Amino acid sequence: MFLVVFRNRKRADIDYPAYEADAARMLELAQAQPGYLSFKSYVADDGEVIALSEWADAEAAQAWRRVAEHAEVQGRGRAAYYESYTLFTCDNPRTHHFQRKDEQ
């Protein structure tokens, strides 16, 4: 698995309807990409956003980065949506999983 963490803050003057339309389209497009596994986004009390996407491998995530429509929206994000962002990636992250089982 390849993990991408996109940590960001939106601009104060963001056009939310435009952003939301672009975000919905990017999710739709990402879900159709080979190697896509999942996407979730969380907003902190202070407005910072953490978006997590999981890919089958680094090649799948890099192919997504090169999709022309995605690259176009990334440019729009830097110009109009984001105050700042940091992107973290990790190939084959160490994972632990716990699942509570109900007692019968």
N, C-alpha and C. Protein backbone atom coordinates (compact mmCIF):
# COMPACT_ATOMS: atom_id res chain seq x y z
N MET A 1 0.84 -1.18 0.00
CA MET A 1 0.00 0.00 0.00
C MET A 1 0.89 1.25 0.00
N PHE A 2 0.39 2.29 -0.64
CA PHE A 2 1.06 3.59 -0.67
C PHE A 2 0.09 4.61 -0.09
N LEU A 3 0.55 5.36 0.91
CA LEU A 3 -0.30 6.32 1.61
C LEU A 3 0.09 7.74 1.25
N VAL A 4 -0.90 8.57 0.97
CA VAL A 4 -0.70 10.00 0.70
C VAL A 4 -1.50 10.78 1.73
N VAL A 5 -0.82 11.68 2.44
CA VAL A 5 -1.46 12.54 3.43
C VAL A 5 -1.34 13.98 2.92
N PHE A 6 -2.47 14.62 2.71
CA PHE A 6 -2.52 16.00 2.21
C PHE A 6 -3.05 16.88 3.33
N ARG A 7 -2.17 17.63 3.94
CA ARG A 7 -2.51 18.50 5.08
C ARG A 7 -2.61 19.92 4.53
N ASN A 8 -3.77 20.58 4.74
CA ASN A 8 -3.95 21.89 4.11
C ASN A 8 -4.82 22.83 4.92
N ARG A 9 -4.68 24.11 4.55
CA ARG A 9 -5.54 25.18 5.06
C ARG A 9 -6.10 25.93 3.85
N LYS A 10 -7.39 26.20 3.89
CA LYS A 10 -8.04 26.92 2.81
C LYS A 10 -7.83 28.42 2.97
N ARG A 11 -7.90 29.13 1.86
CA ARG A 11 -7.82 30.59 1.87
C ARG A 11 -9.09 31.18 2.50
N ALA A 12 -8.97 32.34 3.09
CA ALA A 12 -10.13 33.01 3.70
C ALA A 12 -11.16 33.40 2.64
N ASP A 13 -10.69 33.71 1.42
CA ASP A 13 -11.59 34.18 0.36
C ASP A 13 -11.95 33.08 -0.64
N ILE A 14 -11.89 31.83 -0.20
CA ILE A 14 -12.14 30.69 -1.10
C ILE A 14 -13.56 30.73 -1.66
N ASP A 15 -13.70 30.34 -2.90
CA ASP A 15 -15.00 30.16 -3.55
C ASP A 15 -15.42 28.71 -3.26
N TYR A 16 -16.17 28.51 -2.15
CA TYR A 16 -16.50 27.16 -1.72
C TYR A 16 -17.30 26.35 -2.75
N PRO A 17 -18.29 26.93 -3.43
CA PRO A 17 -18.99 26.12 -4.45
C PRO A 17 -18.05 25.61 -5.54
N ALA A 18 -17.11 26.44 -5.99
CA ALA A 18 -16.14 25.99 -7.01
C ALA A 18 -15.24 24.91 -6.44
N TYR A 19 -14.75 25.13 -5.22
CA TYR A 19 -13.89 24.13 -4.57
C TYR A 19 -14.62 22.80 -4.42
N GLU A 20 -15.84 22.84 -3.92
CA GLU A 20 -16.60 21.60 -3.70
C GLU A 20 -16.87 20.87 -5.00
N ALA A 21 -17.15 21.60 -6.08
CA ALA A 21 -17.34 20.96 -7.38
C ALA A 21 -16.06 20.30 -7.86
N ASP A 22 -14.93 20.99 -7.72
CA ASP A 22 -13.65 20.40 -8.11
C ASP A 22 -13.32 19.19 -7.24
N ALA A 23 -13.55 19.28 -5.94
CA ALA A 23 -13.25 18.16 -5.03
C ALA A 23 -14.09 16.93 -5.38
N ALA A 24 -15.37 17.13 -5.67
CA ALA A 24 -16.24 16.02 -6.04
C ALA A 24 -15.78 15.37 -7.34
N ARG A 25 -15.39 16.19 -8.30
CA ARG A 25 -14.90 15.65 -9.58
C ARG A 25 -13.59 14.89 -9.39
N MET A 26 -12.70 15.41 -8.55
CA MET A 26 -11.42 14.73 -8.32
C MET A 26 -11.63 13.39 -7.63
N LEU A 27 -12.56 13.31 -6.69
CA LEU A 27 -12.86 12.04 -6.04
C LEU A 27 -13.40 11.04 -7.06
N GLU A 28 -14.32 11.49 -7.88
CA GLU A 28 -14.89 10.62 -8.92
C GLU A 28 -13.79 10.12 -9.86
N LEU A 29 -12.92 11.01 -10.27
CA LEU A 29 -11.84 10.65 -11.19
C LEU A 29 -10.82 9.72 -10.51
N ALA A 30 -10.46 10.01 -9.26
CA ALA A 30 -9.51 9.17 -8.53
C ALA A 30 -10.05 7.75 -8.35
N GLN A 31 -11.33 7.65 -8.01
CA GLN A 31 -11.93 6.33 -7.79
C GLN A 31 -11.89 5.45 -9.04
N ALA A 32 -11.81 6.07 -10.20
CA ALA A 32 -11.75 5.33 -11.46
C ALA A 32 -10.32 4.94 -11.85
N GLN A 33 -9.33 5.41 -11.11
CA GLN A 33 -7.93 5.14 -11.45
C GLN A 33 -7.51 3.75 -10.98
N PRO A 34 -6.73 3.04 -11.81
CA PRO A 34 -6.19 1.75 -11.36
C PRO A 34 -5.35 1.95 -10.10
N GLY A 35 -5.55 1.08 -9.12
CA GLY A 35 -4.77 1.13 -7.89
C GLY A 35 -5.36 1.99 -6.79
N TYR A 36 -6.45 2.71 -7.06
CA TYR A 36 -7.11 3.51 -6.02
C TYR A 36 -7.70 2.56 -4.98
N LEU A 37 -7.48 2.86 -3.70
CA LEU A 37 -8.06 2.06 -2.63
C LEU A 37 -9.08 2.82 -1.79
N SER A 38 -8.73 4.04 -1.34
CA SER A 38 -9.68 4.77 -0.49
C SER A 38 -9.28 6.23 -0.37
N PHE A 39 -10.24 7.04 0.10
CA PHE A 39 -10.00 8.45 0.38
C PHE A 39 -10.91 8.87 1.53
N LYS A 40 -10.35 9.61 2.48
CA LYS A 40 -11.13 10.21 3.57
C LYS A 40 -10.51 11.56 3.89
N SER A 41 -11.35 12.46 4.37
CA SER A 41 -10.89 13.80 4.72
C SER A 41 -11.48 14.19 6.06
N TYR A 42 -10.66 14.86 6.88
CA TYR A 42 -11.06 15.26 8.23
C TYR A 42 -10.71 16.73 8.43
N VAL A 43 -11.60 17.46 9.10
CA VAL A 43 -11.37 18.87 9.39
C VAL A 43 -11.21 19.06 10.89
N ALA A 44 -10.11 19.68 11.29
CA ALA A 44 -9.84 19.96 12.70
C ALA A 44 -10.63 21.19 13.15
N ASP A 45 -10.75 21.37 14.44
CA ASP A 45 -11.46 22.53 15.00
C ASP A 45 -10.88 23.85 14.52
N ASP A 46 -9.58 23.89 14.26
CA ASP A 46 -8.94 25.13 13.82
C ASP A 46 -8.99 25.33 12.30
N GLY A 47 -9.69 24.44 11.60
CA GLY A 47 -9.86 24.60 10.16
C GLY A 47 -8.87 23.84 9.30
N GLU A 48 -7.83 23.30 9.91
CA GLU A 48 -6.87 22.52 9.12
C GLU A 48 -7.55 21.23 8.64
N VAL A 49 -7.20 20.81 7.43
CA VAL A 49 -7.77 19.60 6.84
C VAL A 49 -6.67 18.56 6.66
N ILE A 50 -7.00 17.33 6.98
CA ILE A 50 -6.13 16.19 6.71
C ILE A 50 -6.89 15.28 5.76
N ALA A 51 -6.35 15.07 4.57
CA ALA A 51 -6.95 14.18 3.59
C ALA A 51 -6.02 13.00 3.39
N LEU A 52 -6.56 11.80 3.49
CA LEU A 52 -5.79 10.57 3.36
C LEU A 52 -6.25 9.80 2.13
N SER A 53 -5.31 9.46 1.27
CA SER A 53 -5.66 8.57 0.16
C SER A 53 -4.73 7.38 0.18
N GLU A 54 -5.29 6.21 -0.09
CA GLU A 54 -4.54 4.97 -0.13
C GLU A 54 -4.55 4.44 -1.56
N TRP A 55 -3.38 3.97 -1.98
CA TRP A 55 -3.19 3.45 -3.33
C TRP A 55 -2.54 2.08 -3.24
N ALA A 56 -2.69 1.28 -4.24
CA ALA A 56 -2.11 -0.06 -4.25
C ALA A 56 -0.60 0.00 -4.15
N ASP A 57 0.00 0.99 -4.80
CA ASP A 57 1.46 1.12 -4.79
C ASP A 57 1.85 2.53 -5.24
N ALA A 58 3.13 2.83 -5.15
CA ALA A 58 3.63 4.16 -5.50
C ALA A 58 3.35 4.49 -6.97
N GLU A 59 3.44 3.52 -7.84
CA GLU A 59 3.20 3.75 -9.26
C GLU A 59 1.77 4.22 -9.51
N ALA A 60 0.80 3.63 -8.81
CA ALA A 60 -0.60 4.04 -8.97
C ALA A 60 -0.80 5.48 -8.50
N ALA A 61 -0.20 5.83 -7.35
CA ALA A 61 -0.32 7.20 -6.84
C ALA A 61 0.35 8.19 -7.78
N GLN A 62 1.50 7.83 -8.32
CA GLN A 62 2.21 8.72 -9.24
C GLN A 62 1.45 8.87 -10.55
N ALA A 63 0.80 7.81 -11.00
CA ALA A 63 -0.02 7.91 -12.22
C ALA A 63 -1.18 8.86 -11.99
N TRP A 64 -1.79 8.82 -10.80
CA TRP A 64 -2.87 9.74 -10.46
C TRP A 64 -2.38 11.18 -10.49
N ARG A 65 -1.19 11.40 -9.97
CA ARG A 65 -0.62 12.75 -9.96
C ARG A 65 -0.48 13.30 -11.38
N ARG A 66 -0.24 12.42 -12.35
CA ARG A 66 -0.01 12.85 -13.74
C ARG A 66 -1.27 12.96 -14.58
N VAL A 67 -2.43 12.61 -14.05
CA VAL A 67 -3.68 12.74 -14.81
C VAL A 67 -3.90 14.22 -15.13
N ALA A 68 -4.10 14.53 -16.41
CA ALA A 68 -4.15 15.93 -16.86
C ALA A 68 -5.20 16.76 -16.12
N GLU A 69 -6.40 16.24 -15.96
CA GLU A 69 -7.45 17.00 -15.28
C GLU A 69 -7.09 17.23 -13.80
N HIS A 70 -6.46 16.25 -13.18
CA HIS A 70 -6.01 16.40 -11.80
C HIS A 70 -4.95 17.49 -11.71
N ALA A 71 -3.99 17.47 -12.62
CA ALA A 71 -2.93 18.50 -12.63
C ALA A 71 -3.52 19.90 -12.81
N GLU A 72 -4.52 20.02 -13.65
CA GLU A 72 -5.19 21.31 -13.86
C GLU A 72 -5.84 21.81 -12.58
N VAL A 73 -6.53 20.93 -11.86
CA VAL A 73 -7.19 21.32 -10.62
C VAL A 73 -6.16 21.60 -9.52
N GLN A 74 -5.04 20.89 -9.53
CA GLN A 74 -3.98 21.20 -8.57
C GLN A 74 -3.50 22.65 -8.75
N GLY A 75 -3.35 23.07 -9.99
CA GLY A 75 -2.95 24.46 -10.26
C GLY A 75 -3.99 25.44 -9.76
N ARG A 76 -5.26 25.12 -9.98
CA ARG A 76 -6.34 25.98 -9.49
C ARG A 76 -6.33 26.02 -7.97
N GLY A 77 -6.00 24.89 -7.33
CA GLY A 77 -5.92 24.85 -5.87
C GLY A 77 -4.87 25.80 -5.34
N ARG A 78 -3.68 25.79 -5.96
CA ARG A 78 -2.61 26.69 -5.52
C ARG A 78 -2.99 28.16 -5.77
N ALA A 79 -3.69 28.42 -6.86
CA ALA A 79 -4.05 29.80 -7.21
C ALA A 79 -5.24 30.34 -6.42
N ALA A 80 -6.21 29.47 -6.11
CA ALA A 80 -7.47 30.00 -5.59
C ALA A 80 -8.01 29.35 -4.32
N TYR A 81 -7.55 28.16 -3.96
CA TYR A 81 -8.19 27.45 -2.85
C TYR A 81 -7.35 27.38 -1.58
N TYR A 82 -6.04 27.17 -1.71
CA TYR A 82 -5.22 26.86 -0.53
C TYR A 82 -4.38 28.03 -0.07
N GLU A 83 -4.37 28.23 1.24
CA GLU A 83 -3.45 29.16 1.88
C GLU A 83 -2.08 28.48 2.00
N SER A 84 -2.12 27.19 2.38
CA SER A 84 -0.90 26.41 2.49
C SER A 84 -1.25 24.94 2.46
N TYR A 85 -0.26 24.12 2.11
CA TYR A 85 -0.43 22.68 2.22
C TYR A 85 0.91 21.99 2.31
N THR A 86 0.88 20.78 2.86
CA THR A 86 2.03 19.89 2.92
C THR A 86 1.55 18.52 2.49
N LEU A 87 2.34 17.87 1.67
CA LEU A 87 2.02 16.53 1.18
C LEU A 87 3.05 15.55 1.74
N PHE A 88 2.55 14.50 2.38
CA PHE A 88 3.41 13.43 2.91
C PHE A 88 3.07 12.15 2.16
N THR A 89 4.09 11.35 1.84
CA THR A 89 3.84 10.05 1.21
C THR A 89 4.64 8.97 1.94
N CYS A 90 4.11 7.76 1.89
CA CYS A 90 4.78 6.66 2.56
C CYS A 90 4.48 5.37 1.80
N ASP A 91 5.52 4.69 1.41
CA ASP A 91 5.38 3.41 0.73
C ASP A 91 5.39 2.29 1.76
N ASN A 92 4.43 1.39 1.67
CA ASN A 92 4.32 0.26 2.59
C ASN A 92 4.42 0.68 4.05
N PRO A 93 3.50 1.53 4.51
CA PRO A 93 3.56 1.96 5.91
C PRO A 93 3.34 0.79 6.86
N ARG A 94 4.00 0.86 7.97
CA ARG A 94 3.79 -0.15 9.00
C ARG A 94 2.39 0.07 9.56
N THR A 95 1.59 -0.94 9.60
CA THR A 95 0.21 -0.80 10.06
C THR A 95 -0.10 -1.83 11.14
N HIS A 96 -0.99 -1.43 12.01
CA HIS A 96 -1.54 -2.31 13.04
C HIS A 96 -3.05 -2.17 12.94
N HIS A 97 -3.78 -3.25 13.17
CA HIS A 97 -5.23 -3.20 13.06
C HIS A 97 -5.84 -3.87 14.29
N PHE A 98 -6.89 -3.28 14.81
CA PHE A 98 -7.64 -3.84 15.92
C PHE A 98 -9.11 -3.82 15.56
N GLN A 99 -9.81 -4.88 15.81
CA GLN A 99 -11.26 -4.93 15.60
C GLN A 99 -11.88 -5.64 16.79
N ARG A 100 -12.70 -4.91 17.55
CA ARG A 100 -13.37 -5.50 18.70
C ARG A 100 -14.39 -6.53 18.21
N LYS A 101 -14.41 -7.65 18.88
CA LYS A 101 -15.39 -8.69 18.56
C LYS A 101 -16.43 -8.69 19.66
N ASP A 102 -17.68 -8.68 19.29
CA ASP A 102 -18.75 -8.73 20.28
C ASP A 102 -18.76 -10.11 20.93
N GLU A 103 -18.93 -10.10 22.26
CA GLU A 103 -19.01 -11.38 22.98
C GLU A 103 -20.44 -11.90 22.84
N GLN A 104 -20.53 -13.17 22.65
CA GLN A 104 -21.84 -13.79 22.41
C GLN A 104 -22.37 -14.41 23.68
